[in-house]
PDB file of N, CA and C in Angstrom:
ATOM      1  N   UNK A   1      60.816  53.563  47.152  1.00  0.00           N
ATOM      2  CA  UNK A   1      62.038  53.254  47.870  1.00  0.00           C
ATOM      3  C   UNK A   1      61.877  51.920  48.585  1.00  0.00           C
ATOM      4  N   UNK A   2      62.927  51.115  48.607  1.00  0.00           N
ATOM      5  CA  UNK A   2      62.880  49.790  49.208  1.00  0.00           C
ATOM      6  C   UNK A   2      62.969  49.875  50.722  1.00  0.00           C
ATOM      7  N   UNK A   3      62.321  48.943  51.386  1.00  0.00           N
ATOM      8  CA  UNK A   3      62.488  48.849  52.829  1.00  0.00           C
ATOM      9  C   UNK A   3      63.759  48.067  53.111  1.00  0.00           C
ATOM     10  N   UNK A   4      64.260  48.154  54.346  1.00  0.00           N
ATOM     11  CA  UNK A   4      65.489  47.468  54.712  1.00  0.00           C
ATOM     12  C   UNK A   4      65.356  45.957  54.537  1.00  0.00           C
ATOM     13  N   UNK A   5      64.147  45.429  54.674  1.00  0.00           N
ATOM     14  CA  UNK A   5      63.944  43.984  54.561  1.00  0.00           C
ATOM     15  C   UNK A   5      64.139  43.487  53.133  1.00  0.00           C
ATOM     16  N   UNK A   6      64.023  44.361  52.128  1.00  0.00           N
ATOM     17  CA  UNK A   6      64.171  43.926  50.744  1.00  0.00           C
ATOM     18  C   UNK A   6      65.505  44.341  50.139  1.00  0.00           C
ATOM     19  N   UNK A   7      66.316  45.069  50.876  1.00  0.00           N
ATOM     20  CA  UNK A   7      67.624  45.460  50.382  1.00  0.00           C
ATOM     21  C   UNK A   7      68.619  44.334  50.617  1.00  0.00           C
ATOM     22  N   UNK A   8      69.559  44.186  49.714  1.00  0.00           N
ATOM     23  CA  UNK A   8      70.580  43.143  49.872  1.00  0.00           C
ATOM     24  C   UNK A   8      71.673  43.587  50.822  1.00  0.00           C
ATOM     25  N   UNK A   9      72.113  44.841  50.713  1.00  0.00           N
ATOM     26  CA  UNK A   9      73.166  45.355  51.583  1.00  0.00           C
ATOM     27  C   UNK A   9      72.568  46.311  52.607  1.00  0.00           C
ATOM     28  N   UNK A  10      72.931  46.103  53.855  1.00  0.00           N
ATOM     29  CA  UNK A  10      72.443  46.946  54.942  1.00  0.00           C
ATOM     30  C   UNK A  10      73.615  47.704  55.560  1.00  0.00           C
ATOM     31  N   UNK A  11      73.355  48.952  55.957  1.00  0.00           N
ATOM     32  CA  UNK A  11      74.395  49.694  56.660  1.00  0.00           C
ATOM     33  C   UNK A  11      74.503  49.181  58.089  1.00  0.00           C
ATOM     34  N   UNK A  12      75.411  49.727  58.846  1.00  0.00           N
ATOM     35  CA  UNK A  12      75.695  49.251  60.196  1.00  0.00           C
ATOM     36  C   UNK A  12      74.456  49.281  61.090  1.00  0.00           C
ATOM     37  N   UNK A  13      73.750  50.384  61.077  1.00  0.00           N
ATOM     38  CA  UNK A  13      72.569  50.530  61.928  1.00  0.00           C
ATOM     39  C   UNK A  13      71.465  49.554  61.516  1.00  0.00           C
ATOM     40  N   UNK A  14      71.228  49.421  60.220  1.00  0.00           N
ATOM     41  CA  UNK A  14      70.184  48.509  59.738  1.00  0.00           C
ATOM     42  C   UNK A  14      70.554  47.057  60.038  1.00  0.00           C
ATOM     43  N   UNK A  15      71.845  46.721  59.947  1.00  0.00           N
ATOM     44  CA  UNK A  15      72.282  45.362  60.269  1.00  0.00           C
ATOM     45  C   UNK A  15      72.043  45.064  61.746  1.00  0.00           C
ATOM     46  N   UNK A  16      72.287  46.043  62.609  1.00  0.00           N
ATOM     47  CA  UNK A  16      72.047  45.867  64.045  1.00  0.00           C
ATOM     48  C   UNK A  16      70.565  45.618  64.315  1.00  0.00           C
ATOM     49  N   UNK A  17      69.707  46.362  63.634  1.00  0.00           N
ATOM     50  CA  UNK A  17      68.262  46.157  63.774  1.00  0.00           C
ATOM     51  C   UNK A  17      67.876  44.788  63.241  1.00  0.00           C
ATOM     52  N   UNK A  18      68.421  44.419  62.089  1.00  0.00           N
ATOM     53  CA  UNK A  18      68.115  43.127  61.459  1.00  0.00           C
ATOM     54  C   UNK A  18      68.487  41.961  62.370  1.00  0.00           C
ATOM     55  N   UNK A  19      69.567  42.121  63.127  1.00  0.00           N
ATOM     56  CA  UNK A  19      70.022  41.063  64.031  1.00  0.00           C
ATOM     57  C   UNK A  19      69.258  41.048  65.347  1.00  0.00           C
ATOM     58  N   UNK A  20      68.158  41.725  65.400  1.00  0.00           N
ATOM     59  CA  UNK A  20      67.307  41.658  66.589  1.00  0.00           C
ATOM     60  C   UNK A  20      67.381  42.879  67.470  1.00  0.00           C
ATOM     61  N   UNK A  21      67.934  43.946  66.955  1.00  0.00           N
ATOM     62  CA  UNK A  21      67.990  45.171  67.733  1.00  0.00           C
ATOM     63  C   UNK A  21      69.205  45.270  68.634  1.00  0.00           C
ATOM     64  N   UNK A  22      70.286  44.595  68.255  1.00  0.00           N
ATOM     65  CA  UNK A  22      71.523  44.719  69.026  1.00  0.00           C
ATOM     66  C   UNK A  22      72.116  46.099  68.761  1.00  0.00           C
ATOM     67  N   UNK A  23      73.095  46.498  69.548  1.00  0.00           N
ATOM     68  CA  UNK A  23      73.714  47.806  69.345  1.00  0.00           C
ATOM     69  C   UNK A  23      74.686  47.750  68.163  1.00  0.00           C
ATOM     70  N   UNK A  24      74.990  48.913  67.618  1.00  0.00           N
ATOM     71  CA  UNK A  24      75.975  48.967  66.532  1.00  0.00           C
ATOM     72  C   UNK A  24      77.344  48.536  67.039  1.00  0.00           C
ATOM     73  N   UNK A  25      77.587  48.751  68.341  1.00  0.00           N
ATOM     74  CA  UNK A  25      78.874  48.349  68.920  1.00  0.00           C
ATOM     75  C   UNK A  25      78.997  46.833  68.977  1.00  0.00           C
ATOM     76  N   UNK A  26      77.887  46.147  69.145  1.00  0.00           N
ATOM     77  CA  UNK A  26      77.901  44.686  69.102  1.00  0.00           C
ATOM     78  C   UNK A  26      78.260  44.216  67.699  1.00  0.00           C
ATOM     79  N   UNK A  27      77.680  44.859  66.686  1.00  0.00           N
ATOM     80  CA  UNK A  27      77.992  44.497  65.302  1.00  0.00           C
ATOM     81  C   UNK A  27      79.463  44.780  65.009  1.00  0.00           C
ATOM     82  N   UNK A  28      79.960  45.925  65.465  1.00  0.00           N
ATOM     83  CA  UNK A  28      81.384  46.245  65.269  1.00  0.00           C
ATOM     84  C   UNK A  28      82.275  45.201  65.944  1.00  0.00           C
ATOM     85  N   UNK A  29      81.887  44.751  67.137  1.00  0.00           N
ATOM     86  CA  UNK A  29      82.665  43.732  67.846  1.00  0.00           C
ATOM     87  C   UNK A  29      82.639  42.408  67.087  1.00  0.00           C
ATOM     88  N   UNK A  30      81.490  42.058  66.511  1.00  0.00           N
ATOM     89  CA  UNK A  30      81.388  40.829  65.717  1.00  0.00           C
ATOM     90  C   UNK A  30      82.301  40.895  64.496  1.00  0.00           C
ATOM     91  N   UNK A  31      82.415  42.077  63.903  1.00  0.00           N
ATOM     92  CA  UNK A  31      83.334  42.262  62.771  1.00  0.00           C
ATOM     93  C   UNK A  31      84.775  42.124  63.253  1.00  0.00           C
ATOM     94  N   UNK A  32      85.099  42.783  64.360  1.00  0.00           N
ATOM     95  CA  UNK A  32      86.466  42.744  64.887  1.00  0.00           C
ATOM     96  C   UNK A  32      86.882  41.320  65.264  1.00  0.00           C
ATOM     97  N   UNK A  33      85.924  40.518  65.748  1.00  0.00           N
ATOM     98  CA  UNK A  33      86.207  39.130  66.130  1.00  0.00           C
ATOM     99  C   UNK A  33      86.220  38.181  64.938  1.00  0.00           C
ATOM    100  N   UNK A  34      85.817  38.660  63.778  1.00  0.00           N
ATOM    101  CA  UNK A  34      85.782  37.818  62.585  1.00  0.00           C
ATOM    102  C   UNK A  34      84.493  37.020  62.440  1.00  0.00           C
ATOM    103  N   UNK A  35      83.488  37.306  63.281  1.00  0.00           N
ATOM    104  CA  UNK A  35      82.217  36.590  63.203  1.00  0.00           C
ATOM    105  C   UNK A  35      81.331  37.098  62.071  1.00  0.00           C
ATOM    106  N   UNK A  36      81.508  38.345  61.690  1.00  0.00           N
ATOM    107  CA  UNK A  36      80.790  38.936  60.551  1.00  0.00           C
ATOM    108  C   UNK A  36      81.801  39.584  59.632  1.00  0.00           C
ATOM    109  N   UNK A  37      81.563  39.466  58.329  1.00  0.00           N
ATOM    110  CA  UNK A  37      82.459  40.099  57.361  1.00  0.00           C
ATOM    111  C   UNK A  37      81.665  41.152  56.591  1.00  0.00           C
ATOM    112  N   UNK A  38      82.105  42.407  56.660  1.00  0.00           N
ATOM    113  CA  UNK A  38      81.396  43.445  55.920  1.00  0.00           C
ATOM    114  C   UNK A  38      81.760  43.432  54.439  1.00  0.00           C
ATOM    115  N   UNK A  39      80.893  44.037  53.655  1.00  0.00           N
ATOM    116  CA  UNK A  39      81.147  44.258  52.234  1.00  0.00           C
ATOM    117  C   UNK A  39      81.769  45.642  52.129  1.00  0.00           C
ATOM    118  N   UNK A  40      82.954  45.720  51.568  1.00  0.00           N
ATOM    119  CA  UNK A  40      83.628  47.004  51.405  1.00  0.00           C
ATOM    120  C   UNK A  40      83.639  47.362  49.926  1.00  0.00           C
ATOM    121  N   UNK A  41      82.849  48.346  49.558  1.00  0.00           N
ATOM    122  CA  UNK A  41      82.758  48.764  48.165  1.00  0.00           C
ATOM    123  C   UNK A  41      84.016  49.512  47.747  1.00  0.00           C
ATOM    124  N   UNK A  42      84.360  49.468  46.479  1.00  0.00           N
ATOM    125  CA  UNK A  42      85.527  50.220  46.007  1.00  0.00           C
ATOM    126  C   UNK A  42      85.318  51.720  46.195  1.00  0.00           C
ATOM    127  N   UNK A  43      86.390  52.413  46.515  1.00  0.00           N
ATOM    128  CA  UNK A  43      86.336  53.860  46.668  1.00  0.00           C
ATOM    129  C   UNK A  43      86.220  54.524  45.303  1.00  0.00           C
ATOM    130  N   UNK A  44      85.332  55.482  45.200  1.00  0.00           N
ATOM    131  CA  UNK A  44      85.174  56.229  43.958  1.00  0.00           C
ATOM    132  C   UNK A  44      86.264  57.293  43.851  1.00  0.00           C
ATOM    133  N   UNK A  45      86.637  57.865  44.971  1.00  0.00           N
ATOM    134  CA  UNK A  45      87.622  58.950  44.985  1.00  0.00           C
ATOM    135  C   UNK A  45      89.060  58.456  44.912  1.00  0.00           C
ATOM    136  N   UNK A  46      89.301  57.255  45.412  1.00  0.00           N
ATOM    137  CA  UNK A  46      90.660  56.716  45.441  1.00  0.00           C
ATOM    138  C   UNK A  46      90.675  55.330  44.799  1.00  0.00           C
ATOM    139  N   UNK A  47      90.844  55.278  43.478  1.00  0.00           N
ATOM    140  CA  UNK A  47      90.854  53.992  42.778  1.00  0.00           C
ATOM    141  C   UNK A  47      91.878  53.028  43.378  1.00  0.00           C
ATOM    142  N   UNK A  48      91.482  51.771  43.487  1.00  0.00           N
ATOM    143  CA  UNK A  48      92.359  50.756  44.056  1.00  0.00           C
ATOM    144  C   UNK A  48      92.193  50.584  45.554  1.00  0.00           C
ATOM    145  N   UNK A  49      91.446  51.486  46.190  1.00  0.00           N
ATOM    146  CA  UNK A  49      91.194  51.386  47.625  1.00  0.00           C
ATOM    147  C   UNK A  49      89.728  51.073  47.860  1.00  0.00           C
ATOM    148  N   UNK A  50      89.413  50.672  49.086  1.00  0.00           N
ATOM    149  CA  UNK A  50      88.014  50.440  49.437  1.00  0.00           C
ATOM    150  C   UNK A  50      87.500  51.601  50.268  1.00  0.00           C
ATOM    151  N   UNK A  51      86.190  51.781  50.216  1.00  0.00           N
ATOM    152  CA  UNK A  51      85.565  52.798  51.038  1.00  0.00           C
ATOM    153  C   UNK A  51      85.564  52.379  52.494  1.00  0.00           C
ATOM    154  N   UNK A  52      85.267  53.320  53.382  1.00  0.00           N
ATOM    155  CA  UNK A  52      85.284  53.022  54.814  1.00  0.00           C
ATOM    156  C   UNK A  52      83.933  52.564  55.333  1.00  0.00           C
ATOM    157  N   UNK A  53      82.894  52.758  54.570  1.00  0.00           N
ATOM    158  CA  UNK A  53      81.544  52.432  55.026  1.00  0.00           C
ATOM    159  C   UNK A  53      81.363  50.928  55.147  1.00  0.00           C
ATOM    160  N   UNK A  54      80.824  50.498  56.286  1.00  0.00           N
ATOM    161  CA  UNK A  54      80.558  49.087  56.507  1.00  0.00           C
ATOM    162  C   UNK A  54      79.154  48.754  56.026  1.00  0.00           C
ATOM    163  N   UNK A  55      79.076  47.819  55.096  1.00  0.00           N
ATOM    164  CA  UNK A  55      77.797  47.316  54.607  1.00  0.00           C
ATOM    165  C   UNK A  55      77.775  45.815  54.840  1.00  0.00           C
ATOM    166  N   UNK A  56      76.574  45.278  55.052  1.00  0.00           N
ATOM    167  CA  UNK A  56      76.448  43.861  55.365  1.00  0.00           C
ATOM    168  C   UNK A  56      75.430  43.217  54.439  1.00  0.00           C
ATOM    169  N   UNK A  57      75.832  42.092  53.857  1.00  0.00           N
ATOM    170  CA  UNK A  57      74.954  41.323  52.981  1.00  0.00           C
ATOM    171  C   UNK A  57      73.947  40.573  53.858  1.00  0.00           C
ATOM    172  N   UNK A  58      72.674  40.713  53.545  1.00  0.00           N
ATOM    173  CA  UNK A  58      71.617  40.055  54.315  1.00  0.00           C
ATOM    174  C   UNK A  58      71.850  38.544  54.352  1.00  0.00           C
ATOM    175  N   UNK A  59      72.345  37.989  53.265  1.00  0.00           N
ATOM    176  CA  UNK A  59      72.608  36.538  53.223  1.00  0.00           C
ATOM    177  C   UNK A  59      73.673  36.144  54.249  1.00  0.00           C
ATOM    178  N   UNK A  60      74.694  36.992  54.396  1.00  0.00           N
ATOM    179  CA  UNK A  60      75.741  36.714  55.384  1.00  0.00           C
ATOM    180  C   UNK A  60      75.192  36.823  56.800  1.00  0.00           C
ATOM    181  N   UNK A  61      74.313  37.788  57.034  1.00  0.00           N
ATOM    182  CA  UNK A  61      73.697  37.930  58.357  1.00  0.00           C
ATOM    183  C   UNK A  61      72.845  36.706  58.676  1.00  0.00           C
ATOM    184  N   UNK A  62      72.073  36.249  57.681  1.00  0.00           N
ATOM    185  CA  UNK A  62      71.247  35.050  57.879  1.00  0.00           C
ATOM    186  C   UNK A  62      72.118  33.824  58.161  1.00  0.00           C
ATOM    187  N   UNK A  63      73.225  33.690  57.423  1.00  0.00           N
ATOM    188  CA  UNK A  63      74.131  32.548  57.618  1.00  0.00           C
ATOM    189  C   UNK A  63      74.754  32.601  59.012  1.00  0.00           C
ATOM    190  N   UNK A  64      75.103  33.795  59.475  1.00  0.00           N
ATOM    191  CA  UNK A  64      75.679  33.929  60.813  1.00  0.00           C
ATOM    192  C   UNK A  64      74.677  33.509  61.873  1.00  0.00           C
ATOM    193  N   UNK A  65      73.432  33.924  61.721  1.00  0.00           N
ATOM    194  CA  UNK A  65      72.395  33.529  62.682  1.00  0.00           C
ATOM    195  C   UNK A  65      72.237  32.012  62.676  1.00  0.00           C
ATOM    196  N   UNK A  66      72.245  31.408  61.512  1.00  0.00           N
ATOM    197  CA  UNK A  66      72.144  29.946  61.426  1.00  0.00           C
ATOM    198  C   UNK A  66      73.320  29.255  62.133  1.00  0.00           C
ATOM    199  N   UNK A  67      74.539  29.801  61.985  1.00  0.00           N
ATOM    200  CA  UNK A  67      75.704  29.234  62.669  1.00  0.00           C
ATOM    201  C   UNK A  67      75.563  29.365  64.189  1.00  0.00           C
ATOM    202  N   UNK A  68      75.064  30.495  64.629  1.00  0.00           N
ATOM    203  CA  UNK A  68      74.950  30.748  66.066  1.00  0.00           C
ATOM    204  C   UNK A  68      73.868  29.885  66.704  1.00  0.00           C
ATOM    205  N   UNK A  69      72.911  29.400  65.926  1.00  0.00           N
ATOM    206  CA  UNK A  69      71.858  28.545  66.470  1.00  0.00           C
ATOM    207  C   UNK A  69      72.378  27.156  66.804  1.00  0.00           C
ATOM    208  N   UNK A  70      73.422  26.723  66.163  1.00  0.00           N
ATOM    209  CA  UNK A  70      73.920  25.352  66.334  1.00  0.00           C
ATOM    210  C   UNK A  70      74.760  25.200  67.575  1.00  0.00           C
TER     211      UNK A  70
END
């Protein structure tokens, strides 16, 4: 099984840990403010809709950190 560091998509909790141990509520606020964009996979049960689970691309998290450093 892969560790979170080698996975491309991270769930909400893993993304919070990846960002330095911030709370999941901080990650949710970053999404609500448009600072982070989650990956929404297509729903298997309802074709044409997206699932509700928030996943985050590690590349997007890295890019966000780079933007915040400037």
